[in-house]
């Protein structure tokens, strides 16, 4: 890609309030990266989303449900072996 096209693309780049490029600008820029640059860019950790107490409680309830159902499936599997 020529440097003229890159400079034109970034000259009109909009930034988010936290200083990041907006998604409609960042997506084409990421696709032009080398493989190792792409891996480094996409492997950065993402900050946790702020959740309300209600949403957090709902997620914990879902975790408990999944554990209980998993235990039921394991018990049923073992019971059927006999």
Protein backbone atom coordinates (compact mmCIF):
# COMPACT_ATOMS: atom_id res chain seq x y z
CA UNK A 1 0.00 0.00 0.00
CA UNK A 2 1.35 3.42 -0.81
CA UNK A 3 2.12 5.90 1.91
CA UNK A 4 -0.13 8.42 0.20
CA UNK A 5 -3.16 6.15 0.61
CA UNK A 6 -2.25 5.48 4.25
CA UNK A 7 -1.78 9.15 5.07
CA UNK A 8 -5.06 10.02 3.36
CA UNK A 9 -6.85 7.31 5.31
CA UNK A 10 -5.41 8.37 8.68
CA UNK A 11 -5.76 12.10 7.98
CA UNK A 12 -9.53 11.78 8.16
CA UNK A 13 -9.49 9.32 11.05
CA UNK A 14 -11.99 9.93 13.81
CA UNK A 15 -11.02 9.06 17.34
CA UNK A 16 -13.14 7.82 20.19
CA UNK A 17 -13.19 9.68 23.53
CA UNK A 18 -10.55 7.27 24.90
CA UNK A 19 -8.15 8.08 22.04
CA UNK A 20 -8.72 4.95 19.94
CA UNK A 21 -9.53 5.12 16.26
CA UNK A 22 -13.20 4.63 15.47
CA UNK A 23 -14.17 1.13 14.32
CA UNK A 24 -14.98 2.16 10.74
CA UNK A 25 -11.42 3.48 10.37
CA UNK A 26 -9.60 0.87 12.45
CA UNK A 27 -10.97 -2.17 10.59
CA UNK A 28 -9.39 -1.39 7.19
CA UNK A 29 -6.12 -0.43 8.91
CA UNK A 30 -5.94 -3.73 10.77
CA UNK A 31 -6.47 -5.71 7.58
CA UNK A 32 -3.31 -4.13 6.07
CA UNK A 33 -1.03 -5.37 8.88
CA UNK A 34 1.53 -8.14 8.54
CA UNK A 35 0.59 -11.44 10.18
CA UNK A 36 2.74 -10.92 13.31
CA UNK A 37 1.49 -7.35 13.68
CA UNK A 38 -2.10 -8.56 13.33
CA UNK A 39 -1.59 -11.23 16.01
CA UNK A 40 -0.01 -8.71 18.37
CA UNK A 41 -2.84 -6.23 17.77
CA UNK A 42 -5.66 -8.73 18.26
CA UNK A 43 -4.14 -10.47 21.30
CA UNK A 44 -4.28 -7.36 23.49
CA UNK A 45 -6.54 -7.94 26.50
CA UNK A 46 -9.85 -6.14 26.56
CA UNK A 47 -11.02 -4.35 29.69
CA UNK A 48 -13.98 -5.82 31.55
CA UNK A 49 -17.31 -4.31 30.67
CA UNK A 50 -19.02 -2.51 33.53
CA UNK A 51 -22.05 -4.56 34.52
CA UNK A 52 -24.96 -3.73 36.75
CA UNK A 53 -25.53 -5.79 39.87
CA UNK A 54 -28.54 -7.40 38.19
CA UNK A 55 -26.53 -8.49 35.15
CA UNK A 56 -23.72 -9.80 37.36
CA UNK A 57 -26.20 -11.81 39.44
CA UNK A 58 -27.74 -13.20 36.26
CA UNK A 59 -24.35 -14.35 35.00
CA UNK A 60 -23.57 -16.03 38.34
CA UNK A 61 -26.96 -17.77 38.22
CA UNK A 62 -26.15 -18.98 34.72
CA UNK A 63 -22.80 -20.35 35.91
CA UNK A 64 -24.48 -22.24 38.75
CA UNK A 65 -27.09 -23.62 36.33
CA UNK A 66 -24.40 -24.85 33.93
CA UNK A 67 -22.52 -26.61 36.76
CA UNK A 68 -25.72 -28.29 38.02
CA UNK A 69 -26.74 -29.46 34.56
CA UNK A 70 -23.21 -30.75 33.91
CA UNK A 71 -23.32 -32.75 37.15
CA UNK A 72 -26.71 -34.17 36.14
CA UNK A 73 -25.36 -35.24 32.75
CA UNK A 74 -22.29 -36.86 34.31
CA UNK A 75 -24.46 -38.70 36.87
CA UNK A 76 -26.82 -39.94 34.15
CA UNK A 77 -23.90 -41.13 32.02
CA UNK A 78 -22.35 -43.05 34.93
CA UNK A 79 -25.74 -44.50 35.95
CA UNK A 80 -26.30 -45.81 32.40
CA UNK A 81 -22.95 -47.64 32.44
CA UNK A 82 -24.18 -50.06 35.11
